[in-house]
């Protein structure tokens, strides 16, 4: 079975700190890709050494021009990537099923595409959950596609789904591609985490609190 995440423990964290210390002290410049990572590095360096720290945030490879979105059916929601660590798709699927129970809709109204390593989450079958929730006609699973095709998939849906739970100091790489598409994002992440603090999230996106699992404020 392919493992795509690393198990952290007190012992492994201690080893990471021991490995990090000589690297950061010998380096002339130490770069981080988020404010959270920068803050963690500052705690491990003396005040004199902290001046070598810089933050270099990922940018969007392709920033598409903004254009008015014409209403269409079905409305399409797309997620591209893998389900691992705490990137749990089940709360989203249950929410779709709950909305459907209260306001019935069909495949002509909504299409959800989960593209990538999405067939299981921590040993649980996503496909079985979709069937149990009665969403087979709405939610579609698709295996990995080439990068160019993945870029095309995120370019023109009505909503992009971003799962970034339990990663308060890290920013998923896919967020840069998502931002570049200028498509609205539904983001499941911690309220005070790095993903929620990204300045590009200031308008047009919505966040669900990853800690509580309940609807948060629009970011």
N, C-alpha and C. Protein backbone atom coordinates (compact mmCIF):
# COMPACT_ATOMS: atom_id res chain seq x y z
N UNK A 1 0.84 -1.19 0.00
CA UNK A 1 0.00 0.00 0.00
C UNK A 1 0.88 1.25 0.00
N UNK A 2 0.53 2.21 -0.84
CA UNK A 2 1.34 3.42 -0.95
C UNK A 2 1.03 4.37 0.19
N UNK A 3 2.06 4.84 0.87
CA UNK A 3 1.89 5.78 1.96
C UNK A 3 2.29 7.16 1.47
N UNK A 4 1.40 8.14 1.62
CA UNK A 4 1.68 9.47 1.09
C UNK A 4 1.80 10.51 2.20
N UNK A 5 1.86 10.07 3.45
CA UNK A 5 2.03 11.02 4.54
C UNK A 5 3.02 10.43 5.54
N UNK A 6 3.63 11.29 6.31
CA UNK A 6 4.63 10.86 7.28
C UNK A 6 4.04 10.92 8.68
N UNK A 7 4.28 9.88 9.47
CA UNK A 7 3.79 9.84 10.84
C UNK A 7 4.70 10.68 11.72
N UNK A 8 4.10 11.61 12.47
CA UNK A 8 4.86 12.44 13.39
C UNK A 8 4.64 11.96 14.81
N UNK A 9 5.70 12.01 15.61
CA UNK A 9 5.63 11.65 17.01
C UNK A 9 6.63 12.52 17.76
N UNK A 10 6.66 12.38 19.06
CA UNK A 10 7.63 13.17 19.85
C UNK A 10 9.06 12.82 19.43
N UNK A 11 9.30 11.54 19.15
CA UNK A 11 10.65 11.11 18.77
C UNK A 11 11.05 11.67 17.41
N UNK A 12 10.14 11.57 16.41
CA UNK A 12 10.49 12.06 15.08
C UNK A 12 10.63 13.58 15.10
N UNK A 13 9.81 14.28 15.89
CA UNK A 13 9.94 15.73 15.98
C UNK A 13 11.30 16.11 16.58
N UNK A 14 11.76 15.35 17.57
CA UNK A 14 13.07 15.62 18.16
C UNK A 14 14.18 15.41 17.13
N UNK A 15 14.07 14.34 16.34
CA UNK A 15 15.06 14.09 15.29
C UNK A 15 15.06 15.21 14.25
N UNK A 16 13.86 15.68 13.89
CA UNK A 16 13.77 16.78 12.92
C UNK A 16 14.46 18.02 13.45
N UNK A 17 14.26 18.33 14.73
CA UNK A 17 14.89 19.52 15.31
C UNK A 17 16.40 19.39 15.33
N UNK A 18 16.90 18.19 15.67
CA UNK A 18 18.35 17.97 15.68
C UNK A 18 18.94 18.10 14.29
N UNK A 19 18.20 17.67 13.27
CA UNK A 19 18.68 17.77 11.89
C UNK A 19 18.60 19.20 11.38
N UNK A 20 17.60 19.92 11.83
CA UNK A 20 17.37 21.28 11.36
C UNK A 20 18.40 22.25 11.92
N UNK A 21 18.79 22.05 13.16
CA UNK A 21 19.63 23.03 13.86
C UNK A 21 20.95 23.32 13.14
N UNK A 22 21.76 22.31 12.78
CA UNK A 22 23.03 22.63 12.09
C UNK A 22 22.81 23.26 10.71
N UNK A 23 21.74 22.86 10.04
CA UNK A 23 21.47 23.42 8.71
C UNK A 23 21.16 24.91 8.79
N UNK A 24 20.27 25.27 9.71
CA UNK A 24 19.87 26.67 9.81
C UNK A 24 21.00 27.55 10.34
N UNK A 25 21.83 27.01 11.20
CA UNK A 25 22.89 27.82 11.78
C UNK A 25 24.03 28.05 10.79
N UNK A 26 24.28 27.09 9.91
CA UNK A 26 25.37 27.24 8.94
C UNK A 26 24.95 28.02 7.71
N UNK A 27 23.68 28.10 7.46
CA UNK A 27 23.20 28.76 6.24
C UNK A 27 23.33 30.28 6.35
N UNK A 28 23.53 30.92 5.20
CA UNK A 28 23.54 32.38 5.15
C UNK A 28 22.12 32.93 5.07
N UNK A 29 21.24 32.20 4.40
CA UNK A 29 19.84 32.60 4.27
C UNK A 29 18.98 31.35 4.46
N UNK A 30 17.91 31.49 5.20
CA UNK A 30 16.97 30.40 5.43
C UNK A 30 15.59 30.85 4.95
N UNK A 31 15.04 30.11 4.00
CA UNK A 31 13.76 30.51 3.42
C UNK A 31 12.62 29.61 3.87
N UNK A 32 11.50 30.22 4.16
CA UNK A 32 10.26 29.50 4.44
C UNK A 32 9.20 29.94 3.46
N UNK A 33 8.15 29.14 3.31
CA UNK A 33 7.12 29.46 2.32
C UNK A 33 5.82 29.93 2.98
N UNK A 34 5.84 30.12 4.30
CA UNK A 34 4.64 30.63 4.97
C UNK A 34 5.06 31.33 6.25
N UNK A 35 4.18 32.18 6.77
CA UNK A 35 4.47 32.88 8.02
C UNK A 35 4.56 31.90 9.18
N UNK A 36 3.74 30.83 9.14
CA UNK A 36 3.79 29.85 10.22
C UNK A 36 5.12 29.13 10.28
N UNK A 37 5.65 28.74 9.13
CA UNK A 37 6.97 28.09 9.09
C UNK A 37 8.05 29.06 9.57
N UNK A 38 7.93 30.32 9.16
CA UNK A 38 8.89 31.34 9.58
C UNK A 38 8.87 31.50 11.10
N UNK A 39 7.66 31.52 11.68
CA UNK A 39 7.54 31.67 13.13
C UNK A 39 8.16 30.47 13.85
N UNK A 40 7.97 29.26 13.30
CA UNK A 40 8.57 28.08 13.91
C UNK A 40 10.09 28.11 13.85
N UNK A 41 10.64 28.58 12.74
CA UNK A 41 12.09 28.68 12.62
C UNK A 41 12.65 29.73 13.58
N UNK A 42 11.94 30.83 13.75
CA UNK A 42 12.42 31.87 14.65
C UNK A 42 12.55 31.36 16.08
N UNK A 43 11.67 30.47 16.48
CA UNK A 43 11.74 29.92 17.83
C UNK A 43 13.00 29.09 18.05
N UNK A 44 13.55 28.55 16.98
CA UNK A 44 14.72 27.68 17.10
C UNK A 44 16.04 28.39 16.84
N UNK A 45 15.99 29.69 16.56
CA UNK A 45 17.21 30.45 16.30
C UNK A 45 17.38 31.54 17.34
N UNK A 46 18.62 31.93 17.55
CA UNK A 46 18.90 33.04 18.47
C UNK A 46 18.46 34.35 17.82
N UNK A 47 18.26 35.40 18.59
CA UNK A 47 17.86 36.70 18.01
C UNK A 47 18.81 37.18 16.91
N UNK A 48 20.12 36.94 17.06
CA UNK A 48 21.07 37.38 16.06
C UNK A 48 20.92 36.60 14.75
N UNK A 49 20.50 35.34 14.84
CA UNK A 49 20.39 34.49 13.66
C UNK A 49 19.09 34.72 12.90
N UNK A 50 18.10 35.32 13.54
CA UNK A 50 16.78 35.44 12.91
C UNK A 50 16.78 36.38 11.71
N UNK A 51 17.80 37.22 11.60
CA UNK A 51 17.86 38.16 10.48
C UNK A 51 18.08 37.44 9.15
N UNK A 52 18.53 36.19 9.18
CA UNK A 52 18.78 35.45 7.95
C UNK A 52 17.49 34.83 7.38
N UNK A 53 16.38 34.91 8.12
CA UNK A 53 15.13 34.29 7.68
C UNK A 53 14.40 35.16 6.66
N UNK A 54 13.90 34.53 5.62
CA UNK A 54 13.05 35.22 4.64
C UNK A 54 11.84 34.33 4.36
N UNK A 55 10.76 34.96 3.92
CA UNK A 55 9.54 34.23 3.54
C UNK A 55 9.32 34.42 2.05
N UNK A 56 9.25 33.32 1.31
CA UNK A 56 8.98 33.37 -0.13
C UNK A 56 7.74 32.56 -0.44
N UNK A 57 6.61 33.24 -0.60
CA UNK A 57 5.35 32.54 -0.83
C UNK A 57 5.23 32.08 -2.27
N UNK A 58 4.60 30.93 -2.45
CA UNK A 58 4.36 30.44 -3.80
C UNK A 58 3.41 31.37 -4.53
N UNK A 59 3.68 31.53 -5.81
CA UNK A 59 2.78 32.32 -6.65
C UNK A 59 2.05 31.43 -7.62
N UNK A 60 1.13 32.00 -8.36
CA UNK A 60 0.38 31.25 -9.35
C UNK A 60 1.16 31.20 -10.65
N UNK A 61 1.31 30.01 -11.18
CA UNK A 61 2.05 29.85 -12.44
C UNK A 61 1.32 30.55 -13.58
N UNK A 62 0.03 30.49 -13.57
CA UNK A 62 -0.76 31.10 -14.63
C UNK A 62 -1.93 31.85 -14.01
N UNK A 63 -1.93 33.16 -14.13
CA UNK A 63 -3.01 33.97 -13.59
C UNK A 63 -3.94 34.35 -14.74
N UNK A 64 -5.08 33.72 -14.77
CA UNK A 64 -6.01 33.95 -15.87
C UNK A 64 -6.78 35.24 -15.64
N UNK A 65 -7.17 35.87 -16.72
CA UNK A 65 -7.92 37.12 -16.61
C UNK A 65 -9.29 36.84 -16.02
N UNK A 66 -9.73 37.76 -15.19
CA UNK A 66 -11.06 37.62 -14.58
C UNK A 66 -12.12 37.95 -15.61
N UNK A 67 -13.19 37.15 -15.60
CA UNK A 67 -14.27 37.40 -16.54
C UNK A 67 -15.59 37.03 -15.89
N UNK A 68 -16.67 37.68 -16.31
CA UNK A 68 -17.97 37.35 -15.73
C UNK A 68 -18.31 35.89 -16.00
N UNK A 69 -18.90 35.23 -15.01
CA UNK A 69 -19.28 33.83 -15.15
C UNK A 69 -20.76 33.74 -15.49
N UNK A 70 -21.05 33.10 -16.59
CA UNK A 70 -22.43 32.97 -17.05
C UNK A 70 -23.08 31.79 -16.33
N UNK A 71 -24.24 31.97 -15.70
CA UNK A 71 -24.92 30.85 -15.04
C UNK A 71 -25.16 29.71 -16.03
N UNK A 72 -24.93 28.48 -15.55
CA UNK A 72 -25.08 27.32 -16.41
C UNK A 72 -25.50 26.12 -15.57
N UNK A 73 -25.96 25.10 -16.23
CA UNK A 73 -26.30 23.86 -15.54
C UNK A 73 -25.67 22.69 -16.30
N UNK A 74 -25.23 21.68 -15.56
CA UNK A 74 -25.20 21.68 -14.09
C UNK A 74 -24.07 22.57 -13.55
N UNK A 75 -24.27 23.05 -12.34
CA UNK A 75 -23.18 23.74 -11.65
C UNK A 75 -22.12 22.70 -11.31
N UNK A 76 -20.85 23.05 -11.57
CA UNK A 76 -19.79 22.05 -11.42
C UNK A 76 -18.83 22.44 -10.30
N UNK A 77 -18.58 21.47 -9.39
CA UNK A 77 -17.61 21.61 -8.30
C UNK A 77 -16.47 20.63 -8.59
N UNK A 78 -15.23 21.10 -8.47
CA UNK A 78 -14.07 20.26 -8.81
C UNK A 78 -13.06 20.26 -7.66
N UNK A 79 -12.55 19.08 -7.34
CA UNK A 79 -11.40 18.92 -6.44
C UNK A 79 -10.34 18.14 -7.21
N UNK A 80 -9.11 18.64 -7.24
CA UNK A 80 -8.00 17.93 -7.88
C UNK A 80 -6.91 17.71 -6.84
N UNK A 81 -6.54 16.45 -6.62
CA UNK A 81 -5.50 16.16 -5.64
C UNK A 81 -5.73 14.84 -4.95
N UNK A 82 -5.17 14.71 -3.73
CA UNK A 82 -5.24 13.46 -2.98
C UNK A 82 -5.94 13.68 -1.64
N UNK A 83 -6.58 12.62 -1.16
CA UNK A 83 -7.16 12.61 0.18
C UNK A 83 -6.17 11.90 1.10
N UNK A 84 -5.55 12.62 2.02
CA UNK A 84 -4.61 12.02 2.95
C UNK A 84 -4.51 12.90 4.18
N UNK A 85 -3.77 12.40 5.18
CA UNK A 85 -3.62 13.08 6.47
C UNK A 85 -5.01 13.42 7.00
N UNK A 86 -5.36 14.72 7.10
CA UNK A 86 -6.68 15.10 7.61
C UNK A 86 -7.57 15.66 6.51
N UNK A 87 -7.17 15.46 5.25
CA UNK A 87 -7.98 15.98 4.14
C UNK A 87 -9.17 15.06 3.91
N UNK A 88 -10.12 15.21 4.80
CA UNK A 88 -11.27 14.32 4.89
C UNK A 88 -12.39 14.83 3.98
N UNK A 89 -12.79 14.05 2.96
CA UNK A 89 -13.84 14.50 2.06
C UNK A 89 -15.25 14.21 2.57
N UNK A 90 -15.36 13.38 3.63
CA UNK A 90 -16.68 12.93 4.05
C UNK A 90 -17.59 14.05 4.58
N UNK A 91 -17.08 15.04 5.34
CA UNK A 91 -17.98 16.13 5.75
C UNK A 91 -18.59 16.87 4.56
N UNK A 92 -17.80 17.08 3.51
CA UNK A 92 -18.33 17.75 2.32
C UNK A 92 -19.42 16.90 1.66
N UNK A 93 -19.16 15.60 1.52
CA UNK A 93 -20.14 14.73 0.88
C UNK A 93 -21.42 14.67 1.70
N UNK A 94 -21.29 14.59 3.02
CA UNK A 94 -22.49 14.57 3.86
C UNK A 94 -23.27 15.87 3.76
N UNK A 95 -22.55 16.98 3.62
CA UNK A 95 -23.21 18.27 3.47
C UNK A 95 -24.00 18.34 2.17
N UNK A 96 -23.41 17.82 1.09
CA UNK A 96 -24.13 17.79 -0.19
C UNK A 96 -25.39 16.95 -0.06
N UNK A 97 -25.27 15.79 0.61
CA UNK A 97 -26.44 14.93 0.79
C UNK A 97 -27.51 15.61 1.62
N UNK A 98 -27.10 16.35 2.65
CA UNK A 98 -28.07 17.05 3.50
C UNK A 98 -28.80 18.13 2.72
N UNK A 99 -28.06 18.89 1.92
CA UNK A 99 -28.70 19.91 1.09
C UNK A 99 -29.69 19.27 0.13
N UNK A 100 -29.31 18.13 -0.40
CA UNK A 100 -30.19 17.44 -1.36
C UNK A 100 -31.47 16.96 -0.69
N UNK A 101 -31.37 16.52 0.57
CA UNK A 101 -32.57 16.08 1.27
C UNK A 101 -33.54 17.23 1.49
N UNK A 102 -32.99 18.41 1.76
CA UNK A 102 -33.84 19.58 2.03
C UNK A 102 -34.32 20.26 0.77
N UNK A 103 -33.51 20.22 -0.28
CA UNK A 103 -33.87 20.85 -1.56
C UNK A 103 -33.45 19.90 -2.68
N UNK A 104 -34.30 18.95 -3.02
CA UNK A 104 -33.92 17.92 -3.98
C UNK A 104 -33.38 18.49 -5.29
N UNK A 105 -32.30 17.91 -5.76
CA UNK A 105 -31.72 18.27 -7.05
C UNK A 105 -31.12 17.01 -7.66
N UNK A 106 -30.81 17.08 -8.95
CA UNK A 106 -30.28 15.93 -9.66
C UNK A 106 -29.02 16.26 -10.42
N UNK A 107 -28.61 15.32 -11.28
CA UNK A 107 -27.38 15.48 -12.04
C UNK A 107 -27.46 16.63 -13.03
N UNK A 108 -28.65 17.04 -13.40
CA UNK A 108 -28.79 18.18 -14.31
C UNK A 108 -28.57 19.51 -13.58
N UNK A 109 -28.52 19.46 -12.25
CA UNK A 109 -28.34 20.67 -11.46
C UNK A 109 -26.93 20.82 -10.90
N UNK A 110 -26.30 19.69 -10.50
CA UNK A 110 -25.00 19.74 -9.85
C UNK A 110 -24.14 18.56 -10.28
N UNK A 111 -22.85 18.83 -10.53
CA UNK A 111 -21.87 17.78 -10.83
C UNK A 111 -20.62 18.04 -10.00
N UNK A 112 -20.19 17.03 -9.25
CA UNK A 112 -19.00 17.13 -8.41
C UNK A 112 -17.95 16.17 -8.95
N UNK A 113 -16.79 16.66 -9.34
CA UNK A 113 -15.70 15.84 -9.86
C UNK A 113 -14.57 15.79 -8.83
N UNK A 114 -14.25 14.60 -8.35
CA UNK A 114 -13.12 14.39 -7.45
C UNK A 114 -12.03 13.68 -8.24
N UNK A 115 -10.98 14.42 -8.59
CA UNK A 115 -9.97 13.94 -9.52
C UNK A 115 -8.65 13.72 -8.79
N UNK A 116 -8.07 12.53 -8.96
CA UNK A 116 -6.78 12.23 -8.36
C UNK A 116 -6.85 10.99 -7.49
N UNK A 117 -6.05 10.97 -6.43
CA UNK A 117 -6.02 9.83 -5.51
C UNK A 117 -7.13 10.03 -4.48
N UNK A 118 -8.36 9.77 -4.91
CA UNK A 118 -9.54 10.16 -4.13
C UNK A 118 -10.46 8.98 -3.80
N UNK A 119 -10.06 7.78 -4.09
CA UNK A 119 -10.98 6.65 -3.93
C UNK A 119 -11.04 6.14 -2.49
N UNK A 120 -10.06 6.48 -1.69
CA UNK A 120 -10.07 6.09 -0.29
C UNK A 120 -9.56 7.23 0.58
N UNK A 121 -10.00 7.21 1.83
CA UNK A 121 -9.44 8.12 2.83
C UNK A 121 -9.26 7.33 4.12
N UNK A 122 -8.01 7.14 4.50
CA UNK A 122 -7.66 6.38 5.70
C UNK A 122 -8.35 5.02 5.74
N UNK A 123 -8.31 4.33 4.61
CA UNK A 123 -8.85 2.99 4.54
C UNK A 123 -10.35 2.91 4.30
N UNK A 124 -11.03 4.02 4.29
CA UNK A 124 -12.47 4.03 4.02
C UNK A 124 -12.73 4.33 2.56
N UNK A 125 -13.66 3.62 1.99
CA UNK A 125 -13.97 3.79 0.58
C UNK A 125 -14.84 5.03 0.36
N UNK A 126 -14.32 5.96 -0.42
CA UNK A 126 -15.10 7.15 -0.75
C UNK A 126 -16.27 6.78 -1.67
N UNK A 127 -16.01 5.83 -2.55
CA UNK A 127 -17.07 5.39 -3.47
C UNK A 127 -18.24 4.78 -2.71
N UNK A 128 -17.95 3.98 -1.67
CA UNK A 128 -19.03 3.40 -0.86
C UNK A 128 -19.82 4.48 -0.14
N UNK A 129 -19.12 5.48 0.36
CA UNK A 129 -19.81 6.58 1.04
C UNK A 129 -20.72 7.33 0.08
N UNK A 130 -20.26 7.53 -1.13
CA UNK A 130 -21.07 8.21 -2.15
C UNK A 130 -22.35 7.42 -2.41
N UNK A 131 -22.22 6.08 -2.51
CA UNK A 131 -23.40 5.24 -2.74
C UNK A 131 -24.36 5.29 -1.55
N UNK A 132 -23.81 5.21 -0.35
CA UNK A 132 -24.66 5.22 0.85
C UNK A 132 -25.41 6.54 0.99
N UNK A 133 -24.81 7.61 0.54
CA UNK A 133 -25.45 8.92 0.62
C UNK A 133 -26.38 9.18 -0.56
N UNK A 134 -26.41 8.26 -1.52
CA UNK A 134 -27.28 8.42 -2.67
C UNK A 134 -26.83 9.52 -3.62
N UNK A 135 -25.51 9.65 -3.77
CA UNK A 135 -24.96 10.73 -4.60
C UNK A 135 -24.28 10.21 -5.87
N UNK A 136 -24.56 8.95 -6.25
CA UNK A 136 -23.86 8.37 -7.41
C UNK A 136 -24.07 9.16 -8.69
N UNK A 137 -25.24 9.78 -8.82
CA UNK A 137 -25.53 10.52 -10.05
C UNK A 137 -24.92 11.91 -10.05
N UNK A 138 -24.42 12.35 -8.90
CA UNK A 138 -23.92 13.73 -8.76
C UNK A 138 -22.40 13.77 -8.63
N UNK A 139 -21.83 12.82 -7.88
CA UNK A 139 -20.40 12.83 -7.58
C UNK A 139 -19.68 11.78 -8.42
N UNK A 140 -18.62 12.19 -9.08
CA UNK A 140 -17.85 11.30 -9.94
C UNK A 140 -16.40 11.26 -9.48
N UNK A 141 -15.84 10.03 -9.38
CA UNK A 141 -14.43 9.83 -9.05
C UNK A 141 -13.64 9.56 -10.31
N UNK A 142 -12.47 10.19 -10.41
CA UNK A 142 -11.61 9.99 -11.57
C UNK A 142 -10.17 9.93 -11.11
N UNK A 143 -9.40 8.98 -11.63
CA UNK A 143 -8.02 8.82 -11.22
C UNK A 143 -7.14 9.93 -11.81
N UNK A 144 -5.84 9.85 -11.49
CA UNK A 144 -4.90 10.89 -11.88
C UNK A 144 -4.98 11.22 -13.38
N UNK A 145 -4.85 12.49 -13.68
CA UNK A 145 -4.78 12.95 -15.06
C UNK A 145 -3.47 13.71 -15.23
N UNK A 146 -2.95 13.87 -16.46
CA UNK A 146 -1.72 14.65 -16.68
C UNK A 146 -1.87 16.08 -16.17
N UNK A 147 -0.74 16.71 -15.86
CA UNK A 147 -0.76 18.05 -15.26
C UNK A 147 -1.52 19.04 -16.12
N UNK A 148 -1.30 19.00 -17.43
CA UNK A 148 -1.99 19.95 -18.32
C UNK A 148 -3.51 19.76 -18.23
N UNK A 149 -3.93 18.52 -18.12
CA UNK A 149 -5.36 18.24 -18.00
C UNK A 149 -5.88 18.70 -16.64
N UNK A 150 -5.07 18.52 -15.60
CA UNK A 150 -5.47 18.99 -14.27
C UNK A 150 -5.64 20.51 -14.27
N UNK A 151 -4.74 21.21 -14.97
CA UNK A 151 -4.88 22.66 -15.08
C UNK A 151 -6.16 23.05 -15.79
N UNK A 152 -6.51 22.28 -16.80
CA UNK A 152 -7.74 22.57 -17.52
C UNK A 152 -8.96 22.36 -16.63
N UNK A 153 -8.87 21.32 -15.78
CA UNK A 153 -10.00 21.01 -14.91
C UNK A 153 -10.27 22.11 -13.89
N UNK A 154 -9.22 22.78 -13.43
CA UNK A 154 -9.43 23.82 -12.42
C UNK A 154 -9.71 25.19 -13.05
N UNK A 155 -9.68 25.26 -14.37
CA UNK A 155 -9.81 26.55 -15.04
C UNK A 155 -11.23 27.04 -15.16
N UNK A 156 -12.21 26.13 -15.18
CA UNK A 156 -13.53 26.61 -15.59
C UNK A 156 -14.71 25.97 -14.85
N UNK A 157 -14.56 25.46 -13.63
CA UNK A 157 -15.76 25.04 -12.90
C UNK A 157 -16.45 26.24 -12.26
N UNK A 158 -17.52 26.01 -11.58
CA UNK A 158 -18.20 27.08 -10.85
C UNK A 158 -17.64 27.24 -9.45
N UNK A 159 -17.04 26.16 -8.91
CA UNK A 159 -16.49 26.20 -7.56
C UNK A 159 -15.37 25.18 -7.46
N UNK A 160 -14.28 25.55 -6.78
CA UNK A 160 -13.17 24.64 -6.52
C UNK A 160 -13.19 24.25 -5.05
N UNK A 161 -13.03 22.96 -4.79
CA UNK A 161 -13.03 22.46 -3.42
C UNK A 161 -11.59 22.28 -2.96
N UNK A 162 -11.25 22.90 -1.82
CA UNK A 162 -9.91 22.81 -1.25
C UNK A 162 -10.02 22.23 0.16
N UNK A 163 -9.36 21.09 0.40
CA UNK A 163 -9.31 20.47 1.72
C UNK A 163 -7.92 20.68 2.30
N UNK A 164 -7.84 21.40 3.41
CA UNK A 164 -6.54 21.69 4.02
C UNK A 164 -6.64 21.61 5.54
N UNK A 165 -7.36 20.59 6.05
CA UNK A 165 -7.54 20.46 7.48
C UNK A 165 -6.24 20.04 8.17
N UNK A 166 -6.09 20.52 9.40
CA UNK A 166 -4.97 20.13 10.26
C UNK A 166 -3.61 20.43 9.65
N UNK A 167 -3.51 21.53 8.92
CA UNK A 167 -2.23 21.99 8.38
C UNK A 167 -2.12 23.50 8.63
N UNK A 168 -2.10 23.93 9.90
CA UNK A 168 -2.17 25.36 10.18
C UNK A 168 -0.97 26.16 9.70
N UNK A 169 0.20 25.52 9.55
CA UNK A 169 1.41 26.25 9.16
C UNK A 169 1.79 26.02 7.71
N UNK A 170 1.00 25.22 6.98
CA UNK A 170 1.36 24.88 5.61
C UNK A 170 0.26 25.31 4.65
N UNK A 171 0.66 25.49 3.38
CA UNK A 171 -0.27 25.90 2.33
C UNK A 171 -0.22 24.86 1.22
N UNK A 172 -1.33 24.23 0.87
CA UNK A 172 -1.30 23.24 -0.21
C UNK A 172 -0.83 23.85 -1.52
N UNK A 173 -0.01 23.11 -2.26
CA UNK A 173 0.47 23.61 -3.55
C UNK A 173 -0.70 23.93 -4.50
N UNK A 174 -1.76 23.14 -4.39
CA UNK A 174 -2.87 23.35 -5.32
C UNK A 174 -3.54 24.71 -5.13
N UNK A 175 -3.32 25.34 -3.97
CA UNK A 175 -3.95 26.64 -3.76
C UNK A 175 -3.44 27.67 -4.76
N UNK A 176 -2.16 27.56 -5.15
CA UNK A 176 -1.62 28.50 -6.15
C UNK A 176 -2.31 28.31 -7.48
N UNK A 177 -2.52 27.06 -7.90
CA UNK A 177 -3.23 26.80 -9.15
C UNK A 177 -4.68 27.27 -9.06
N UNK A 178 -5.29 27.01 -7.92
CA UNK A 178 -6.67 27.44 -7.72
C UNK A 178 -6.79 28.96 -7.85
N UNK A 179 -5.90 29.67 -7.16
CA UNK A 179 -5.94 31.14 -7.23
C UNK A 179 -5.71 31.63 -8.65
N UNK A 180 -4.82 30.96 -9.37
CA UNK A 180 -4.53 31.39 -10.73
C UNK A 180 -5.73 31.28 -11.64
N UNK A 181 -6.65 30.37 -11.33
CA UNK A 181 -7.82 30.19 -12.18
C UNK A 181 -8.88 31.26 -11.95
N UNK A 182 -8.79 31.96 -10.80
CA UNK A 182 -9.77 32.98 -10.42
C UNK A 182 -11.18 32.41 -10.24
N UNK A 183 -11.27 31.11 -10.03
CA UNK A 183 -12.57 30.47 -9.75
C UNK A 183 -12.82 30.54 -8.24
N UNK A 184 -14.04 30.82 -7.80
CA UNK A 184 -14.32 30.83 -6.36
C UNK A 184 -13.94 29.50 -5.71
N UNK A 185 -13.50 29.58 -4.45
CA UNK A 185 -13.00 28.41 -3.73
C UNK A 185 -13.83 28.17 -2.48
N UNK A 186 -14.19 26.92 -2.25
CA UNK A 186 -14.76 26.50 -0.97
C UNK A 186 -13.63 25.80 -0.23
N UNK A 187 -13.21 26.38 0.87
CA UNK A 187 -12.00 25.97 1.56
C UNK A 187 -12.34 25.40 2.93
N UNK A 188 -11.89 24.19 3.21
CA UNK A 188 -12.05 23.56 4.52
C UNK A 188 -10.71 23.61 5.21
N UNK A 189 -10.53 24.58 6.12
CA UNK A 189 -9.23 24.79 6.75
C UNK A 189 -9.42 25.50 8.08
N UNK A 190 -8.35 25.50 8.89
CA UNK A 190 -8.42 26.16 10.19
C UNK A 190 -8.63 27.65 10.04
N UNK A 191 -9.41 28.21 10.93
CA UNK A 191 -9.73 29.63 10.89
C UNK A 191 -8.48 30.51 10.92
N UNK A 192 -7.52 30.14 11.75
CA UNK A 192 -6.32 30.96 11.92
C UNK A 192 -5.09 30.35 11.26
N UNK A 193 -5.29 29.42 10.34
CA UNK A 193 -4.17 28.78 9.67
C UNK A 193 -3.65 29.60 8.50
N UNK A 194 -2.53 29.14 7.93
CA UNK A 194 -1.90 29.85 6.83
C UNK A 194 -2.81 29.93 5.60
N UNK A 195 -3.52 28.86 5.29
CA UNK A 195 -4.36 28.85 4.11
C UNK A 195 -5.44 29.92 4.20
N UNK A 196 -6.05 30.05 5.38
CA UNK A 196 -7.11 31.04 5.56
C UNK A 196 -6.57 32.46 5.55
N UNK A 197 -5.28 32.63 5.88
CA UNK A 197 -4.71 33.97 5.94
C UNK A 197 -4.18 34.46 4.61
N UNK A 198 -4.14 33.61 3.61
CA UNK A 198 -3.60 34.07 2.33
C UNK A 198 -4.34 35.30 1.84
N UNK A 199 -3.63 36.34 1.43
CA UNK A 199 -4.31 37.58 1.03
C UNK A 199 -5.22 37.41 -0.17
N UNK A 200 -4.94 36.44 -1.05
CA UNK A 200 -5.80 36.24 -2.21
C UNK A 200 -7.18 35.75 -1.82
N UNK A 201 -7.33 35.29 -0.55
CA UNK A 201 -8.60 34.78 -0.10
C UNK A 201 -9.53 35.90 0.37
N UNK A 202 -9.12 37.13 0.20
CA UNK A 202 -9.89 38.23 0.77
C UNK A 202 -11.27 38.38 0.14
N UNK A 203 -11.43 37.99 -1.12
CA UNK A 203 -12.71 38.21 -1.78
C UNK A 203 -13.09 36.97 -2.60
N UNK A 204 -14.39 36.68 -2.60
CA UNK A 204 -14.93 35.72 -3.53
C UNK A 204 -14.80 34.26 -3.13
N UNK A 205 -14.26 33.97 -1.92
CA UNK A 205 -14.10 32.59 -1.50
C UNK A 205 -14.79 32.39 -0.16
N UNK A 206 -15.06 31.13 0.18
CA UNK A 206 -15.71 30.81 1.43
C UNK A 206 -14.90 29.75 2.16
N UNK A 207 -14.92 29.85 3.49
CA UNK A 207 -14.14 28.92 4.30
C UNK A 207 -15.04 28.21 5.30
N UNK A 208 -14.79 26.92 5.49
CA UNK A 208 -15.41 26.13 6.54
C UNK A 208 -14.34 25.84 7.57
N UNK A 209 -14.65 26.07 8.85
CA UNK A 209 -13.66 25.91 9.91
C UNK A 209 -13.25 24.45 10.01
N UNK A 210 -11.97 24.17 9.75
CA UNK A 210 -11.49 22.79 9.76
C UNK A 210 -11.42 22.20 11.15
N UNK A 211 -11.29 23.05 12.18
CA UNK A 211 -11.20 22.53 13.53
C UNK A 211 -12.55 22.06 14.04
N UNK A 212 -13.58 22.90 13.80
CA UNK A 212 -14.90 22.57 14.33
C UNK A 212 -15.73 21.77 13.36
N UNK A 213 -15.42 21.87 12.05
CA UNK A 213 -16.19 21.17 11.05
C UNK A 213 -17.53 21.80 10.78
N UNK A 214 -17.67 23.08 11.15
CA UNK A 214 -18.92 23.78 10.91
C UNK A 214 -18.66 24.98 10.05
N UNK A 215 -19.69 25.54 9.51
CA UNK A 215 -19.53 26.64 8.55
C UNK A 215 -18.91 27.84 9.23
N UNK A 216 -17.86 28.38 8.60
CA UNK A 216 -17.21 29.56 9.11
C UNK A 216 -17.63 30.80 8.33
N UNK A 217 -17.01 31.90 8.66
CA UNK A 217 -17.32 33.14 7.97
C UNK A 217 -16.74 33.10 6.57
N UNK A 218 -17.36 33.86 5.65
CA UNK A 218 -16.77 34.01 4.33
C UNK A 218 -15.47 34.75 4.45
N UNK A 219 -14.42 34.20 3.84
CA UNK A 219 -13.11 34.84 3.93
C UNK A 219 -12.96 35.91 2.87
